[in-house]
N, C-alpha and C. Protein backbone atom coordinates (compact mmCIF):
# COMPACT_ATOMS: atom_id res chain seq x y z
N MET A 1 98.71 112.41 97.31
CA MET A 1 98.29 111.03 97.09
C MET A 1 99.42 110.29 96.38
N GLN A 2 99.43 109.00 96.56
CA GLN A 2 100.43 108.13 95.97
C GLN A 2 99.92 107.50 94.68
N GLY A 3 100.84 107.20 93.78
CA GLY A 3 100.52 106.48 92.56
C GLY A 3 101.35 105.21 92.49
N TYR A 4 100.79 104.18 91.91
CA TYR A 4 101.47 102.90 91.78
C TYR A 4 101.25 102.32 90.39
N ASP A 5 102.28 101.62 89.91
CA ASP A 5 102.12 100.75 88.75
C ASP A 5 101.34 99.53 89.25
N LEU A 6 100.84 98.73 88.36
CA LEU A 6 100.03 97.58 88.78
C LEU A 6 100.81 96.26 88.71
N ASP A 7 101.09 95.79 87.52
CA ASP A 7 101.72 94.47 87.35
C ASP A 7 103.16 94.49 87.83
N GLY A 8 103.49 93.59 88.74
CA GLY A 8 104.83 93.50 89.30
C GLY A 8 105.06 94.44 90.47
N THR A 9 104.12 95.32 90.73
CA THR A 9 104.25 96.28 91.81
C THR A 9 103.21 96.02 92.89
N LEU A 10 101.94 96.01 92.51
CA LEU A 10 100.86 95.67 93.44
C LEU A 10 100.35 94.25 93.22
N ALA A 11 100.40 93.80 91.97
CA ALA A 11 99.83 92.50 91.60
C ALA A 11 100.86 91.62 90.92
N ASP A 12 100.91 90.37 91.34
CA ASP A 12 101.75 89.37 90.69
C ASP A 12 100.86 88.66 89.69
N VAL A 13 101.03 88.99 88.42
CA VAL A 13 100.17 88.48 87.35
C VAL A 13 100.95 87.49 86.51
N GLU A 14 100.38 86.31 86.30
CA GLU A 14 101.03 85.26 85.52
C GLU A 14 100.47 85.28 84.10
N TYR A 15 101.20 85.93 83.19
CA TYR A 15 100.75 86.07 81.80
C TYR A 15 101.04 84.86 80.94
N ALA A 16 101.98 84.03 81.32
CA ALA A 16 102.43 82.92 80.48
C ALA A 16 101.26 82.05 80.02
N ASN A 17 101.21 81.81 78.74
CA ASN A 17 100.22 80.92 78.12
C ASN A 17 98.78 81.38 78.27
N ALA A 18 98.53 82.63 78.59
CA ALA A 18 97.16 83.11 78.72
C ALA A 18 96.68 83.66 77.38
N SER A 19 95.51 83.21 76.96
CA SER A 19 94.91 83.77 75.75
C SER A 19 94.32 85.13 76.10
N VAL A 20 93.96 85.90 75.10
CA VAL A 20 93.35 87.21 75.35
C VAL A 20 92.09 87.02 76.20
N ARG A 21 91.28 86.04 75.86
CA ARG A 21 90.06 85.76 76.63
C ARG A 21 90.40 85.31 78.06
N GLY A 22 91.46 84.52 78.19
CA GLY A 22 91.86 84.01 79.48
C GLY A 22 92.44 85.06 80.41
N LEU A 23 92.80 86.23 79.87
CA LEU A 23 93.37 87.27 80.72
C LEU A 23 92.40 87.76 81.79
N VAL A 24 91.11 87.69 81.54
CA VAL A 24 90.15 88.09 82.56
C VAL A 24 90.36 87.27 83.82
N ASN A 25 90.49 85.96 83.66
CA ASN A 25 90.71 85.08 84.82
C ASN A 25 92.09 85.31 85.43
N VAL A 26 93.08 85.59 84.59
CA VAL A 26 94.43 85.89 85.09
C VAL A 26 94.37 87.12 85.97
N PHE A 27 93.70 88.16 85.50
CA PHE A 27 93.61 89.40 86.28
C PHE A 27 92.84 89.19 87.58
N LYS A 28 91.79 88.38 87.54
CA LYS A 28 91.00 88.13 88.74
C LYS A 28 91.74 87.30 89.78
N SER A 29 92.70 86.50 89.34
CA SER A 29 93.39 85.59 90.26
C SER A 29 94.80 86.06 90.63
N ALA A 30 95.13 87.29 90.33
CA ALA A 30 96.46 87.81 90.65
C ALA A 30 96.71 87.76 92.15
N LYS A 31 97.97 87.57 92.52
CA LYS A 31 98.36 87.58 93.93
C LYS A 31 98.78 88.99 94.31
N VAL A 32 98.49 89.36 95.54
CA VAL A 32 98.86 90.68 96.05
C VAL A 32 100.35 90.68 96.39
N ILE A 33 101.06 91.68 95.87
CA ILE A 33 102.46 91.88 96.23
C ILE A 33 102.56 92.88 97.38
N TYR A 34 101.77 93.94 97.29
CA TYR A 34 101.88 95.03 98.26
C TYR A 34 100.53 95.70 98.42
N LYS A 35 100.19 96.10 99.65
CA LYS A 35 98.97 96.84 99.94
C LYS A 35 99.35 98.20 100.52
N PRO A 36 99.21 99.27 99.76
CA PRO A 36 99.51 100.60 100.30
C PRO A 36 98.61 100.92 101.49
N SER A 37 99.18 101.59 102.48
CA SER A 37 98.43 101.91 103.69
C SER A 37 97.69 103.24 103.60
N ARG A 38 97.98 104.02 102.55
CA ARG A 38 97.31 105.29 102.34
C ARG A 38 96.53 105.25 101.02
N PRO A 39 95.59 106.18 100.82
CA PRO A 39 94.87 106.22 99.55
C PRO A 39 95.84 106.34 98.37
N PHE A 40 95.51 105.67 97.28
CA PHE A 40 96.39 105.66 96.12
C PHE A 40 95.60 105.46 94.84
N VAL A 41 96.25 105.80 93.73
CA VAL A 41 95.72 105.53 92.40
C VAL A 41 96.69 104.62 91.67
N VAL A 42 96.19 103.94 90.66
CA VAL A 42 96.99 103.07 89.82
C VAL A 42 97.12 103.72 88.45
N ILE A 43 98.33 103.73 87.91
CA ILE A 43 98.56 104.18 86.55
C ILE A 43 99.26 103.02 85.84
N THR A 44 98.60 102.47 84.83
CA THR A 44 99.11 101.27 84.17
C THR A 44 99.07 101.41 82.66
N ALA A 45 99.95 100.68 82.02
CA ALA A 45 100.00 100.64 80.56
C ALA A 45 99.74 99.24 80.06
N ARG A 46 98.82 98.53 80.70
CA ARG A 46 98.47 97.19 80.20
C ARG A 46 98.04 97.33 78.75
N PRO A 47 98.67 96.56 77.85
CA PRO A 47 98.38 96.74 76.43
C PRO A 47 97.04 96.15 76.00
N ASN A 48 96.36 96.89 75.16
CA ASN A 48 95.15 96.42 74.46
C ASN A 48 94.12 95.75 75.37
N THR A 49 93.85 96.33 76.51
CA THR A 49 92.88 95.71 77.41
C THR A 49 91.46 95.94 76.90
N THR A 50 90.65 94.91 77.07
CA THR A 50 89.24 95.00 76.69
C THR A 50 88.44 95.57 77.87
N ALA A 51 87.22 95.94 77.61
CA ALA A 51 86.34 96.45 78.68
C ALA A 51 86.18 95.39 79.77
N GLU A 52 86.07 94.14 79.37
CA GLU A 52 85.91 93.05 80.34
C GLU A 52 87.17 92.89 81.20
N GLN A 53 88.33 93.02 80.59
CA GLN A 53 89.59 92.93 81.33
C GLN A 53 89.74 94.12 82.29
N ARG A 54 89.33 95.29 81.85
CA ARG A 54 89.40 96.47 82.72
C ARG A 54 88.46 96.32 83.91
N GLN A 55 87.28 95.76 83.66
CA GLN A 55 86.33 95.52 84.75
C GLN A 55 86.91 94.52 85.75
N ALA A 56 87.51 93.45 85.25
CA ALA A 56 88.12 92.44 86.13
C ALA A 56 89.24 93.07 86.96
N THR A 57 90.02 93.94 86.35
CA THR A 57 91.11 94.62 87.05
C THR A 57 90.56 95.51 88.16
N THR A 58 89.54 96.28 87.84
CA THR A 58 88.94 97.17 88.84
C THR A 58 88.34 96.37 89.99
N GLU A 59 87.67 95.28 89.68
CA GLU A 59 87.10 94.43 90.73
C GLU A 59 88.20 93.86 91.63
N TRP A 60 89.31 93.40 91.02
CA TRP A 60 90.43 92.87 91.80
C TRP A 60 90.97 93.95 92.73
N LEU A 61 91.15 95.15 92.22
CA LEU A 61 91.67 96.24 93.04
C LEU A 61 90.72 96.54 94.21
N LYS A 62 89.44 96.62 93.94
CA LYS A 62 88.47 96.91 95.00
C LYS A 62 88.46 95.81 96.07
N GLU A 63 88.61 94.56 95.65
CA GLU A 63 88.58 93.43 96.59
C GLU A 63 89.88 93.28 97.38
N ASN A 64 91.00 93.59 96.76
CA ASN A 64 92.31 93.30 97.36
C ASN A 64 93.09 94.51 97.85
N GLN A 65 92.64 95.69 97.51
CA GLN A 65 93.37 96.90 97.85
C GLN A 65 92.41 97.91 98.48
N PRO A 66 92.24 97.87 99.80
CA PRO A 66 91.23 98.71 100.45
C PRO A 66 91.43 100.22 100.28
N ASN A 67 92.63 100.67 99.99
CA ASN A 67 92.88 102.11 99.84
C ASN A 67 92.90 102.57 98.38
N PHE A 68 92.53 101.69 97.46
CA PHE A 68 92.45 102.01 96.04
C PHE A 68 91.38 103.04 95.77
N LYS A 69 91.73 104.08 94.99
CA LYS A 69 90.77 105.15 94.66
C LYS A 69 90.39 105.19 93.19
N ALA A 70 91.34 104.97 92.29
CA ALA A 70 91.05 105.06 90.85
C ALA A 70 92.16 104.40 90.06
N ILE A 71 91.83 104.05 88.81
CA ILE A 71 92.83 103.49 87.91
C ILE A 71 92.85 104.31 86.62
N TYR A 72 94.05 104.55 86.12
CA TYR A 72 94.25 105.31 84.89
C TYR A 72 95.06 104.44 83.94
N TYR A 73 94.56 104.27 82.72
CA TYR A 73 95.25 103.51 81.70
C TYR A 73 95.92 104.49 80.75
N VAL A 74 97.19 104.24 80.46
CA VAL A 74 97.91 105.04 79.47
C VAL A 74 98.26 104.12 78.31
N PRO A 75 98.50 104.69 77.14
CA PRO A 75 98.84 103.85 75.98
C PRO A 75 100.13 103.08 76.21
N SER A 76 100.16 101.83 75.75
CA SER A 76 101.39 101.06 75.82
C SER A 76 102.26 101.44 74.63
N GLY A 77 103.48 100.99 74.66
CA GLY A 77 104.42 101.31 73.58
C GLY A 77 105.82 101.29 74.13
N SER A 78 106.68 102.12 73.60
CA SER A 78 108.05 102.17 74.10
C SER A 78 108.04 102.68 75.54
N GLU A 79 109.04 102.28 76.31
CA GLU A 79 109.10 102.73 77.70
C GLU A 79 109.18 104.25 77.79
N ALA A 80 109.86 104.88 76.84
CA ALA A 80 109.96 106.35 76.85
C ALA A 80 108.58 106.98 76.67
N ASN A 81 107.77 106.44 75.76
CA ASN A 81 106.43 106.99 75.55
C ASN A 81 105.52 106.71 76.73
N VAL A 82 105.64 105.53 77.32
CA VAL A 82 104.84 105.20 78.50
C VAL A 82 105.23 106.14 79.65
N ALA A 83 106.52 106.40 79.81
CA ALA A 83 106.97 107.31 80.86
C ALA A 83 106.37 108.71 80.67
N LYS A 84 106.35 109.20 79.44
CA LYS A 84 105.76 110.51 79.16
C LYS A 84 104.28 110.52 79.50
N SER A 85 103.58 109.45 79.12
CA SER A 85 102.13 109.37 79.40
C SER A 85 101.85 109.28 80.89
N LYS A 86 102.63 108.46 81.59
CA LYS A 86 102.43 108.34 83.04
C LYS A 86 102.80 109.65 83.74
N ALA A 87 103.85 110.32 83.27
CA ALA A 87 104.26 111.59 83.86
C ALA A 87 103.13 112.62 83.74
N ALA A 88 102.44 112.63 82.60
CA ALA A 88 101.33 113.57 82.41
C ALA A 88 100.22 113.32 83.43
N VAL A 89 99.91 112.05 83.68
CA VAL A 89 98.88 111.72 84.67
C VAL A 89 99.36 112.09 86.08
N ILE A 90 100.58 111.77 86.40
CA ILE A 90 101.15 112.09 87.71
C ILE A 90 101.07 113.59 87.97
N LYS A 91 101.43 114.39 86.97
CA LYS A 91 101.37 115.85 87.11
C LYS A 91 99.93 116.34 87.24
N ARG A 92 99.05 115.82 86.39
CA ARG A 92 97.64 116.24 86.41
C ARG A 92 97.00 115.96 87.77
N LEU A 93 97.36 114.83 88.37
CA LEU A 93 96.78 114.45 89.66
C LEU A 93 97.56 115.03 90.84
N ASN A 94 98.70 115.66 90.54
CA ASN A 94 99.55 116.26 91.58
C ASN A 94 99.94 115.22 92.64
N LEU A 95 100.43 114.07 92.17
CA LEU A 95 100.80 112.99 93.08
C LEU A 95 102.09 113.32 93.83
N ASP A 96 102.20 112.79 95.04
CA ASP A 96 103.41 112.96 95.86
C ASP A 96 104.49 111.97 95.47
N SER A 97 104.07 110.75 95.06
CA SER A 97 105.03 109.70 94.76
C SER A 97 104.45 108.74 93.73
N TYR A 98 105.36 107.98 93.12
CA TYR A 98 104.97 106.93 92.19
C TYR A 98 105.91 105.75 92.42
N THR A 99 105.35 104.54 92.46
CA THR A 99 106.13 103.33 92.71
C THR A 99 105.94 102.35 91.58
N CYS A 100 107.06 101.81 91.10
CA CYS A 100 107.06 100.84 90.00
C CYS A 100 108.18 99.84 90.25
N ASP A 101 108.02 98.63 89.76
CA ASP A 101 109.04 97.59 89.95
C ASP A 101 110.15 97.65 88.91
N ASN A 102 110.03 98.47 87.89
CA ASN A 102 110.98 98.49 86.78
C ASN A 102 111.98 99.64 86.95
N GLU A 103 113.19 99.31 87.35
CA GLU A 103 114.22 100.32 87.61
C GLU A 103 114.54 101.16 86.38
N GLU A 104 114.65 100.54 85.21
CA GLU A 104 114.94 101.28 83.99
C GLU A 104 113.82 102.27 83.68
N PHE A 105 112.58 101.83 83.87
CA PHE A 105 111.45 102.73 83.66
C PHE A 105 111.51 103.91 84.63
N ASN A 106 111.79 103.62 85.89
CA ASN A 106 111.86 104.68 86.90
C ASN A 106 112.91 105.73 86.51
N GLN A 107 114.03 105.28 85.94
CA GLN A 107 115.08 106.22 85.53
C GLN A 107 114.59 107.13 84.40
N LEU A 108 113.73 106.63 83.53
CA LEU A 108 113.13 107.46 82.48
C LEU A 108 112.10 108.44 83.05
N LEU A 109 111.37 107.98 84.06
CA LEU A 109 110.29 108.78 84.64
C LEU A 109 110.78 109.94 85.50
N MET A 110 111.79 109.70 86.29
CA MET A 110 112.22 110.70 87.29
C MET A 110 112.46 112.10 86.72
N PRO A 111 113.18 112.27 85.61
CA PRO A 111 113.38 113.64 85.13
C PRO A 111 112.10 114.30 84.61
N LEU A 112 111.08 113.50 84.33
CA LEU A 112 109.82 114.03 83.81
C LEU A 112 108.88 114.51 84.92
N VAL A 113 109.17 114.10 86.17
CA VAL A 113 108.30 114.47 87.30
C VAL A 113 109.14 115.03 88.45
N PRO A 114 109.81 116.16 88.22
CA PRO A 114 110.63 116.73 89.30
C PRO A 114 109.77 117.03 90.52
N GLY A 115 110.31 116.76 91.69
CA GLY A 115 109.59 117.00 92.92
C GLY A 115 108.71 115.84 93.37
N VAL A 116 108.57 114.82 92.52
CA VAL A 116 107.79 113.63 92.86
C VAL A 116 108.76 112.53 93.24
N LYS A 117 108.55 111.91 94.39
CA LYS A 117 109.40 110.79 94.80
C LYS A 117 109.05 109.57 93.96
N VAL A 118 110.07 108.93 93.41
CA VAL A 118 109.87 107.72 92.61
C VAL A 118 110.54 106.58 93.36
N TYR A 119 109.76 105.53 93.62
CA TYR A 119 110.25 104.38 94.37
C TYR A 119 110.26 103.14 93.50
N LYS A 120 111.17 102.22 93.83
CA LYS A 120 111.22 100.91 93.19
C LYS A 120 110.62 99.88 94.14
N MET A 121 109.74 99.05 93.62
CA MET A 121 109.13 97.97 94.40
C MET A 121 109.88 96.68 94.11
N SER A 122 110.29 95.99 95.16
CA SER A 122 110.94 94.69 94.97
C SER A 122 109.89 93.61 94.77
N SER A 123 110.30 92.45 94.34
CA SER A 123 109.37 91.34 94.16
C SER A 123 108.81 90.85 95.49
N ARG A 124 109.41 91.28 96.59
CA ARG A 124 108.93 90.89 97.91
C ARG A 124 108.06 91.97 98.53
N GLY A 125 107.71 93.00 97.76
CA GLY A 125 106.84 94.04 98.26
C GLY A 125 107.54 95.07 99.14
N GLU A 126 108.83 95.29 98.90
CA GLU A 126 109.58 96.29 99.68
C GLU A 126 109.91 97.46 98.78
N LYS A 127 109.60 98.68 99.25
CA LYS A 127 109.86 99.88 98.48
C LYS A 127 111.24 100.43 98.83
N SER A 128 111.91 100.99 97.81
CA SER A 128 113.17 101.69 98.04
C SER A 128 113.25 102.83 97.05
N ASP A 129 114.14 103.79 97.33
CA ASP A 129 114.33 104.90 96.40
C ASP A 129 114.81 104.36 95.07
N ALA A 130 114.29 104.95 94.00
CA ALA A 130 114.70 104.51 92.65
C ALA A 130 116.06 105.06 92.30
């Protein structure tokens, strides 16, 4: 199964000027960047999300991503710590690949998940090797 980051990879989310309360609407109105053609899971480090924001995110995924299977939240923090947390989920789920739009993050992740293909997502929804 494939794994994907959410913001900037599958969803174009406009955070500018959004209050914490307003993030629910931001998450519900995100634009689709890419729709995977095979079943996939999302692994995200959205910081300090509320139950309402998580529900809005799950609803958006179900409505806009027909092959979405599950979402996993990891703690936010330094990119190195997020990479370690995401690597643990990737290994636990035995994923074949992981795609993220952040090249620097991908470089941190790759040595933590040997044998897993790591791809970079462009802003136009095109995947390439990281």
